[in-house]
């Protein structure tokens, strides 16, 4: 039996070696070594304390670009690789001190024990080393993401905290021009509330700055903004006369404001106390004036305490003062006061504009002082028989001792009645 086992032993050993060799060949044919390249792999810095422990900071030269990583290994192993398993790191402890180039290496996590190699392109990053700086900035608020319900407006806003300390590269800190708390989106607010906010940094050109290499003292609580929501109310503007005297031989004959009403906002209690915005006579001077004049008045100083203007309301109003020679008088007449005569039954009328018409009269002082034309204006439509837009002369009846300098015109729109 022993003889049979040991007989031709050399041939048997050779056959075994050949079998193993052939098996290796077959395995490699069925599972060859290959390589796969993965693009857009982000790079992480490691061992940053090598720089920061010296009171300095580091940052990339230029914008950070992802790298390409080529993974080599057996095809069966490569089939398990995903780009999310690949980690590329720039080790600052290996930085070349003369060129500030940091080598990049990559590893495939989750394949421990497998024989894989990696190659990174590009193979390094260039960084700049700077002294660190720290500065404290006030925080302003951006409420552009907030909308209110109709009839409400945004009042006072405050941010918590009001100041922030930011640390980072000296050049970056110097470039911070504005620090903003951008309030998270909130729609249809009708009551005061507190909202979270995002920290946004702006440079001198108002561009948003990257904060990835900066630190601050906000902590986990972050930013919050208290938003006051106020009610709106529309009230008339009332001007309490004017100051000064016109030039000799001229008289002051009243004034108007544009707009005549304004939207204010405040708490319900504050709004209940306001029926009009009063503009004092000191706001408009007619000293030495000889003609009609428009004066722009800022109404903000005349708002009662606790009252502000709506966000869409202008703080400037135009006051038109009427200055005339003695013996003249100008009256602003609403178009609604015009009497309509001889309008066809199948037509209806509207005025193209609702602006007052200006009437200028001459006459004796006594007659002008008592002049009343509220019921003296009319238009005759007997010659207007079809729909359309027309310019029509306004007829004004004047009393004895008064003369109309020029008959005004108005534009009317005639349309057919429904079913006409």
Protein backbone atom coordinates (compact mmCIF):
# COMPACT_ATOMS: atom_id res chain seq x y z
CA UNK A 1 0.00 0.00 0.00
CA UNK A 2 2.80 2.38 0.93
CA UNK A 3 4.42 1.55 -2.35
CA UNK A 4 1.35 2.61 -4.29
CA UNK A 5 1.26 5.99 -2.56
CA UNK A 6 4.92 6.77 -3.08
CA UNK A 7 5.09 5.38 -6.58
CA UNK A 8 5.60 8.18 -9.15
CA UNK A 9 5.71 10.70 -6.29
CA UNK A 10 7.51 13.31 -8.40
CA UNK A 11 4.86 13.18 -11.08
CA UNK A 12 2.13 13.51 -8.49
CA UNK A 13 3.76 16.57 -6.90
CA UNK A 14 4.23 18.12 -10.31
CA UNK A 15 0.59 17.46 -11.13
CA UNK A 16 -0.48 19.12 -7.87
CA UNK A 17 1.64 22.19 -8.55
CA UNK A 18 0.27 22.39 -12.07
CA UNK A 19 -3.29 22.09 -10.77
CA UNK A 20 -2.78 24.94 -8.32
CA UNK A 21 -1.15 27.07 -11.01
CA UNK A 22 -3.97 26.28 -13.43
CA UNK A 23 -6.54 27.13 -10.75
CA UNK A 24 -4.88 30.54 -10.18
CA UNK A 25 -4.96 31.21 -13.92
CA UNK A 26 -8.65 30.30 -14.12
CA UNK A 27 -9.47 32.46 -11.12
CA UNK A 28 -7.64 35.45 -12.61
CA UNK A 29 -9.32 34.95 -15.94
CA UNK A 30 -12.74 34.89 -14.31
CA UNK A 31 -11.94 37.71 -11.81
CA UNK A 32 -9.25 39.92 -13.35
CA UNK A 33 -7.73 43.05 -11.81
CA UNK A 34 -9.41 46.18 -13.15
CA UNK A 35 -9.73 49.86 -12.29
CA UNK A 36 -12.66 52.30 -12.14
CA UNK A 37 -12.48 56.10 -11.96
CA UNK A 38 -14.93 58.06 -9.82
CA UNK A 39 -15.37 61.81 -10.41
CA UNK A 40 -16.60 64.63 -8.17
CA UNK A 41 -15.17 63.27 -4.94
CA UNK A 42 -15.02 66.03 -2.30
CA UNK A 43 -11.82 66.58 -0.33
CA UNK A 44 -11.69 66.89 3.45
CA UNK A 45 -8.85 68.49 5.38
CA UNK A 46 -7.40 66.51 8.29
CA UNK A 47 -4.89 67.36 11.01
CA UNK A 48 -5.78 71.04 10.79
CA UNK A 49 -4.52 71.50 14.34
CA UNK A 50 -1.00 71.46 12.93
CA UNK A 51 -1.79 74.97 11.66
CA UNK A 52 -4.39 76.23 14.13
CA UNK A 53 -2.30 75.36 17.21
CA UNK A 54 0.16 78.00 16.02
CA UNK A 55 -2.52 80.73 16.02
CA UNK A 56 -2.95 80.58 12.26
CA UNK A 57 -5.63 79.45 9.87
CA UNK A 58 -5.67 77.80 6.46
CA UNK A 59 -7.80 78.11 3.37
CA UNK A 60 -7.74 76.95 -0.20
CA UNK A 61 -6.22 79.09 -2.93
CA UNK A 62 -9.14 79.55 -5.32
CA UNK A 63 -12.40 77.64 -5.19
CA UNK A 64 -12.47 74.10 -3.88
CA UNK A 65 -12.75 71.59 -6.70
CA UNK A 66 -13.68 67.90 -6.36
CA UNK A 67 -11.11 65.31 -7.44
CA UNK A 68 -11.10 62.13 -9.51
CA UNK A 69 -10.20 58.89 -7.73
CA UNK A 70 -9.17 55.77 -9.64
CA UNK A 71 -9.68 52.54 -7.67
CA UNK A 72 -7.80 49.40 -8.73
CA UNK A 73 -8.62 45.86 -7.61
CA UNK A 74 -10.29 42.66 -8.60
CA UNK A 75 -13.48 43.04 -10.53
CA UNK A 76 -15.48 41.26 -7.84
CA UNK A 77 -14.23 43.76 -5.28
CA UNK A 78 -14.74 46.79 -7.50
CA UNK A 79 -18.39 45.85 -7.93
CA UNK A 80 -18.87 46.72 -4.25
CA UNK A 81 -17.37 50.21 -4.55
CA UNK A 82 -19.65 53.25 -4.52
CA UNK A 83 -18.56 56.87 -4.79
CA UNK A 84 -20.11 57.44 -1.37
CA UNK A 85 -17.59 54.94 0.09
CA UNK A 86 -14.62 56.90 -1.20
CA UNK A 87 -13.07 59.43 1.16
CA UNK A 88 -10.44 61.85 -0.11
CA UNK A 89 -8.38 63.71 2.47
CA UNK A 90 -5.78 66.46 2.38
CA UNK A 91 -3.42 65.90 5.30
CA UNK A 92 -2.11 69.24 6.55
CA UNK A 93 0.59 67.48 8.57
CA UNK A 94 2.13 66.48 5.22
CA UNK A 95 2.05 70.01 3.78
CA UNK A 96 5.12 71.16 1.88
CA UNK A 97 6.20 74.26 3.84
CA UNK A 98 7.82 75.99 0.87
CA UNK A 99 4.99 75.61 -1.64
CA UNK A 100 2.03 75.12 0.72
CA UNK A 101 0.97 72.11 -1.35
CA UNK A 102 -0.98 69.48 0.59
CA UNK A 103 -1.01 65.89 -0.77
CA UNK A 104 -4.39 64.24 -1.30
CA UNK A 105 -4.95 60.57 -0.56
CA UNK A 106 -8.07 58.43 -0.84
CA UNK A 107 -9.40 55.26 0.73
CA UNK A 108 -12.41 53.07 0.10
CA UNK A 109 -14.25 52.48 3.34
CA UNK A 110 -16.11 49.24 3.93
CA UNK A 111 -13.57 47.13 2.04
CA UNK A 112 -11.12 46.52 4.87
CA UNK A 113 -8.99 43.46 4.14
CA UNK A 114 -9.51 43.68 0.39
CA UNK A 115 -6.55 44.38 -1.86
CA UNK A 116 -7.45 47.71 -3.50
CA UNK A 117 -5.33 50.73 -4.36
CA UNK A 118 -6.31 54.31 -5.15
CA UNK A 119 -4.86 57.10 -7.22
CA UNK A 120 -6.06 60.74 -6.93
CA UNK A 121 -6.04 63.40 -9.62
CA UNK A 122 -5.03 66.14 -9.00
CA UNK A 123 -2.70 64.84 -6.35
CA UNK A 124 -2.50 67.93 -4.13
CA UNK A 125 -4.18 71.18 -3.11
CA UNK A 126 -2.61 74.57 -2.63
CA UNK A 127 -3.48 76.37 0.60
CA UNK A 128 -2.68 79.75 2.06
CA UNK A 129 -1.72 80.19 5.68
CA UNK A 130 -2.77 83.37 7.49
CA UNK A 131 -2.91 84.79 10.95
CA UNK A 132 -6.32 84.41 12.59
CA UNK A 133 -8.48 87.36 13.56
CA UNK A 134 -11.64 87.81 15.59
CA UNK A 135 -14.16 90.63 15.32
CA UNK A 136 -17.58 91.43 16.76
CA UNK A 137 -20.32 92.58 14.35
CA UNK A 138 -23.86 93.94 14.82
CA UNK A 139 -26.55 91.79 13.22
CA UNK A 140 -29.19 93.34 10.96
CA UNK A 141 -32.42 91.61 9.93
CA UNK A 142 -33.74 90.64 6.48
CA UNK A 143 -37.51 90.03 6.52
CA UNK A 144 -37.97 89.61 2.76
CA UNK A 145 -39.24 86.04 3.29
CA UNK A 146 -42.16 87.23 5.45
CA UNK A 147 -45.63 88.12 4.19
CA UNK A 148 -48.61 89.30 6.22
CA UNK A 149 -52.34 88.93 5.81
CA UNK A 150 -54.22 91.77 4.13
CA UNK A 151 -54.71 94.62 6.57
CA UNK A 152 -51.54 93.82 8.53
CA UNK A 153 -47.95 95.00 8.30
CA UNK A 154 -44.55 94.25 9.81
CA UNK A 155 -43.65 96.52 12.72
CA UNK A 156 -40.48 96.43 14.78
CA UNK A 157 -38.09 93.50 14.39
CA UNK A 158 -35.28 92.53 16.74
CA UNK A 159 -32.67 89.79 16.54
CA UNK A 160 -31.30 87.62 19.32
CA UNK A 161 -28.38 87.92 19.84
CA UNK A 162 -27.81 91.46 18.58
CA UNK A 163 -24.03 90.98 18.18
CA UNK A 164 -21.87 88.11 16.95
CA UNK A 165 -18.15 87.29 17.25
CA UNK A 166 -16.63 85.76 14.11
CA UNK A 167 -13.16 84.22 13.88
CA UNK A 168 -11.19 83.22 10.82
CA UNK A 169 -8.49 84.27 8.41
CA UNK A 170 -7.48 87.88 8.87
CA UNK A 171 -8.20 88.83 5.24
CA UNK A 172 -11.62 87.18 5.35
CA UNK A 173 -12.62 88.92 8.58
CA UNK A 174 -11.57 92.28 7.12
CA UNK A 175 -13.75 91.59 4.08
CA UNK A 176 -16.96 91.15 6.10
CA UNK A 177 -19.09 94.24 5.44
CA UNK A 178 -22.51 93.25 6.71
CA UNK A 179 -23.89 90.48 8.95
CA UNK A 180 -27.54 89.61 8.38
CA UNK A 181 -30.11 87.37 10.04
CA UNK A 182 -32.27 86.19 7.11
CA UNK A 183 -35.61 85.16 8.55
CA UNK A 184 -37.01 81.80 7.48
CA UNK A 185 -40.04 81.92 5.18
CA UNK A 186 -43.36 82.68 6.88
CA UNK A 187 -46.57 83.56 5.03
CA UNK A 188 -49.85 85.17 6.08
CA UNK A 189 -48.79 86.38 9.54
CA UNK A 190 -51.42 88.26 11.55
CA UNK A 191 -49.87 88.26 15.01
CA UNK A 192 -46.44 88.88 16.49
CA UNK A 193 -44.12 85.87 16.60
CA UNK A 194 -40.53 84.65 16.95
CA UNK A 195 -38.89 83.01 13.92
CA UNK A 196 -35.59 81.26 13.35
CA UNK A 197 -33.11 82.84 10.96
CA UNK A 198 -30.07 81.99 8.85
CA UNK A 199 -26.74 83.78 9.31
CA UNK A 200 -25.62 85.44 6.05
CA UNK A 201 -22.38 87.39 5.58
CA UNK A 202 -21.92 90.01 2.85
CA UNK A 203 -18.69 91.49 1.54
CA UNK A 204 -18.13 95.07 0.41
CA UNK A 205 -19.73 94.32 -2.98
CA UNK A 206 -22.76 92.81 -1.21
CA UNK A 207 -21.84 89.31 -2.35
CA UNK A 208 -22.70 86.43 -0.01
CA UNK A 209 -19.54 85.07 1.63
CA UNK A 210 -18.53 81.46 2.24
CA UNK A 211 -18.52 80.67 5.98
CA UNK A 212 -16.98 77.19 5.83
CA UNK A 213 -13.61 78.37 7.18
CA UNK A 214 -15.10 80.73 9.79
CA UNK A 215 -16.33 80.10 13.32
CA UNK A 216 -18.71 82.11 15.50
CA UNK A 217 -20.15 82.14 18.99
CA UNK A 218 -23.80 81.45 18.14
CA UNK A 219 -23.77 77.95 19.56
CA UNK A 220 -26.61 75.47 19.11
CA UNK A 221 -29.38 78.03 19.69
CA UNK A 222 -28.50 79.93 16.52
CA UNK A 223 -30.38 83.09 15.54
CA UNK A 224 -33.96 84.05 16.32
CA UNK A 225 -35.90 87.14 15.24
CA UNK A 226 -38.83 88.71 17.07
CA UNK A 227 -41.32 90.07 14.52
CA UNK A 228 -44.04 92.53 15.54
CA UNK A 229 -47.19 92.38 13.40
CA UNK A 230 -49.29 95.56 13.31
CA UNK A 231 -52.75 96.38 12.00
CA UNK A 232 -53.28 98.82 9.11
CA UNK A 233 -55.72 101.72 8.88
CA UNK A 234 -56.42 104.29 6.15
CA UNK A 235 -56.91 107.84 7.43
CA UNK A 236 -57.20 111.27 5.76
CA UNK A 237 -54.37 113.78 5.63
CA UNK A 238 -55.40 117.10 7.11
CA UNK A 239 -53.31 120.26 6.66
CA UNK A 240 -53.98 122.93 9.24
CA UNK A 241 -53.28 125.98 7.10
CA UNK A 242 -49.99 127.52 6.03
CA UNK A 243 -47.45 129.95 7.47
CA UNK A 244 -46.32 133.32 6.10
CA UNK A 245 -47.99 135.75 3.69
CA UNK A 246 -47.98 135.89 -0.13
CA UNK A 247 -46.50 138.81 -2.04
CA UNK A 248 -48.37 142.10 -2.03
CA UNK A 249 -51.34 142.04 -4.38
CA UNK A 250 -51.75 138.25 -4.05
CA UNK A 251 -53.95 136.13 -1.82
CA UNK A 252 -53.83 132.57 -0.46
CA UNK A 253 -56.84 130.62 -1.70
CA UNK A 254 -56.45 127.22 -0.03
CA UNK A 255 -54.48 124.03 -0.56
CA UNK A 256 -54.85 120.34 -1.39
CA UNK A 257 -52.78 117.23 -0.63
CA UNK A 258 -51.86 114.31 -2.86
CA UNK A 259 -52.55 111.70 -1.73
CA UNK A 260 -55.47 112.84 0.37
CA UNK A 261 -55.43 109.64 2.46
CA UNK A 262 -52.59 107.53 3.82
CA UNK A 263 -52.18 104.01 5.22
CA UNK A 264 -50.78 103.85 8.75
CA UNK A 265 -50.13 100.91 11.05
CA UNK A 266 -49.96 100.29 14.76
CA UNK A 267 -51.55 98.30 17.55
CA UNK A 268 -55.35 98.25 17.69
CA UNK A 269 -55.28 100.51 20.74
CA UNK A 270 -53.00 103.07 19.05
CA UNK A 271 -55.02 103.08 15.81
CA UNK A 272 -58.28 103.68 17.68
CA UNK A 273 -56.86 107.02 18.84
CA UNK A 274 -56.11 108.27 15.31
CA UNK A 275 -58.78 109.67 12.96
CA UNK A 276 -56.47 111.74 10.72
CA UNK A 277 -52.84 112.73 10.27
CA UNK A 278 -52.53 116.44 11.05
CA UNK A 279 -49.93 118.49 9.17
CA UNK A 280 -49.18 121.74 11.04
CA UNK A 281 -49.17 125.13 9.31
CA UNK A 282 -45.43 125.40 9.94
CA UNK A 283 -44.84 122.61 7.40
CA UNK A 284 -45.79 124.85 4.44
CA UNK A 285 -44.69 128.46 4.00
CA UNK A 286 -46.20 130.82 1.41
CA UNK A 287 -44.05 133.79 2.36
CA UNK A 288 -43.62 136.04 -0.70
CA UNK A 289 -45.27 133.56 -3.09
CA UNK A 290 -46.92 134.86 -6.28
CA UNK A 291 -48.23 131.71 -7.92
CA UNK A 292 -49.58 128.24 -7.36
CA UNK A 293 -46.86 125.99 -5.93
CA UNK A 294 -46.33 122.34 -5.01
CA UNK A 295 -44.50 121.63 -1.75
CA UNK A 296 -43.25 118.17 -0.72
CA UNK A 297 -43.85 117.45 2.96
CA UNK A 298 -42.42 114.55 4.97
CA UNK A 299 -45.23 113.30 7.22
CA UNK A 300 -43.06 111.10 9.44
CA UNK A 301 -42.49 113.85 12.05
CA UNK A 302 -46.24 114.28 12.40
CA UNK A 303 -47.17 110.66 13.11
CA UNK A 304 -48.52 110.12 16.64
CA UNK A 305 -46.51 108.00 19.05
CA UNK A 306 -46.92 104.30 18.36
CA UNK A 307 -47.97 104.93 14.75
CA UNK A 308 -45.88 104.22 11.65
CA UNK A 309 -46.49 104.21 7.91
CA UNK A 310 -47.41 101.07 6.05
CA UNK A 311 -44.48 99.50 4.19
CA UNK A 312 -46.08 100.46 0.86
CA UNK A 313 -46.89 104.06 1.85
CA UNK A 314 -44.59 106.93 0.91
CA UNK A 315 -43.65 109.33 3.67
CA UNK A 316 -43.68 112.24 1.21
CA UNK A 317 -46.94 113.98 0.27
CA UNK A 318 -47.41 116.86 -2.16
CA UNK A 319 -49.21 119.93 -0.82
CA UNK A 320 -50.47 122.25 -3.56
CA UNK A 321 -50.95 125.83 -2.36
CA UNK A 322 -53.09 128.15 -4.48
CA UNK A 323 -51.74 131.72 -4.66
CA UNK A 324 -53.67 134.18 -6.86
CA UNK A 325 -53.78 137.82 -7.70
CA UNK A 326 -56.43 139.71 -5.82
CA UNK A 327 -59.64 139.60 -7.82
CA UNK A 328 -59.05 136.00 -8.93
CA UNK A 329 -60.19 132.71 -7.45
CA UNK A 330 -59.51 129.08 -8.30
CA UNK A 331 -61.88 126.31 -7.26
CA UNK A 332 -61.27 122.55 -7.50
CA UNK A 333 -64.56 120.88 -8.46
CA UNK A 334 -65.09 117.09 -8.21
CA UNK A 335 -66.26 115.54 -11.49
CA UNK A 336 -69.04 113.92 -9.50
CA UNK A 337 -70.58 117.38 -9.03
CA UNK A 338 -71.16 117.79 -12.78
CA UNK A 339 -74.82 117.52 -13.77
CA UNK A 340 -75.47 115.24 -16.79
CA UNK A 341 -78.07 116.48 -19.30
CA UNK A 342 -79.65 114.68 -22.30
CA UNK A 343 -77.94 111.31 -21.84
CA UNK A 344 -79.58 108.70 -24.10
CA UNK A 345 -81.55 106.08 -22.18
CA UNK A 346 -79.61 103.16 -23.70
CA UNK A 347 -76.23 104.59 -22.74
CA UNK A 348 -74.40 104.90 -19.45
CA UNK A 349 -71.63 107.36 -18.59
CA UNK A 350 -68.37 107.23 -16.67
CA UNK A 351 -65.56 109.74 -16.37
CA UNK A 352 -62.14 108.74 -17.71
CA UNK A 353 -60.49 110.36 -14.67
CA UNK A 354 -61.79 111.07 -11.18
CA UNK A 355 -59.42 114.01 -10.67
CA UNK A 356 -61.00 117.35 -9.78
CA UNK A 357 -61.37 119.95 -12.53
CA UNK A 358 -59.83 123.36 -11.97
CA UNK A 359 -62.05 126.43 -12.41
CA UNK A 360 -60.54 129.95 -12.47
CA UNK A 361 -62.72 132.98 -11.91
CA UNK A 362 -62.24 136.74 -11.93
CA UNK A 363 -64.48 139.31 -10.32
CA UNK A 364 -64.97 141.58 -7.39
CA UNK A 365 -63.58 140.53 -4.03
CA UNK A 366 -67.08 140.55 -2.54
CA UNK A 367 -68.49 138.27 -5.26
CA UNK A 368 -65.54 135.89 -5.20
CA UNK A 369 -65.67 135.55 -1.42
CA UNK A 370 -69.19 134.08 -1.58
CA UNK A 371 -68.81 132.19 -4.87
CA UNK A 372 -70.28 128.67 -4.70
CA UNK A 373 -70.25 126.48 -7.82
CA UNK A 374 -71.15 123.13 -6.27
CA UNK A 375 -74.33 122.94 -8.33
CA UNK A 376 -73.29 125.17 -11.25
CA UNK A 377 -71.49 122.67 -13.53
CA UNK A 378 -73.17 120.63 -16.27
CA UNK A 379 -72.54 118.90 -19.60
CA UNK A 380 -75.02 118.56 -22.49
CA UNK A 381 -74.94 115.19 -24.30
CA UNK A 382 -77.72 115.68 -26.84
CA UNK A 383 -75.24 115.34 -29.71
CA UNK A 384 -73.59 112.17 -28.32
CA UNK A 385 -75.72 109.23 -29.44
CA UNK A 386 -73.29 106.31 -29.70
CA UNK A 387 -70.86 104.56 -27.38
CA UNK A 388 -67.32 105.92 -27.32
CA UNK A 389 -64.86 108.22 -25.58
CA UNK A 390 -65.43 111.95 -25.93
CA UNK A 391 -64.02 115.24 -24.67
CA UNK A 392 -66.92 117.46 -23.61
CA UNK A 393 -67.01 121.11 -22.56
CA UNK A 394 -68.24 121.75 -19.02
CA UNK A 395 -70.75 124.59 -18.73
CA UNK A 396 -70.48 126.73 -15.58
CA UNK A 397 -73.20 129.11 -14.44
CA UNK A 398 -71.67 132.19 -12.82
CA UNK A 399 -73.39 134.83 -10.69
CA UNK A 400 -73.30 138.54 -11.35
CA UNK A 401 -69.90 140.09 -10.78
CA UNK A 402 -68.01 136.84 -11.54
CA UNK A 403 -66.59 135.62 -14.83
CA UNK A 404 -65.16 132.19 -15.70
CA UNK A 405 -61.76 132.65 -17.33
CA UNK A 406 -61.99 129.44 -19.41
CA UNK A 407 -64.55 126.68 -19.73
CA UNK A 408 -62.90 123.37 -18.77
CA UNK A 409 -63.38 120.05 -20.57
CA UNK A 410 -63.72 116.50 -19.29
CA UNK A 411 -63.27 113.15 -20.99
CA UNK A 412 -66.28 110.86 -20.73
CA UNK A 413 -66.81 107.22 -21.68
CA UNK A 414 -70.23 106.22 -23.04
CA UNK A 415 -71.09 102.52 -23.09
CA UNK A 416 -74.23 100.63 -23.98
CA UNK A 417 -76.33 99.42 -21.10
CA UNK A 418 -76.58 95.65 -20.60
CA UNK A 419 -79.20 94.29 -22.92
CA UNK A 420 -79.12 97.52 -24.96
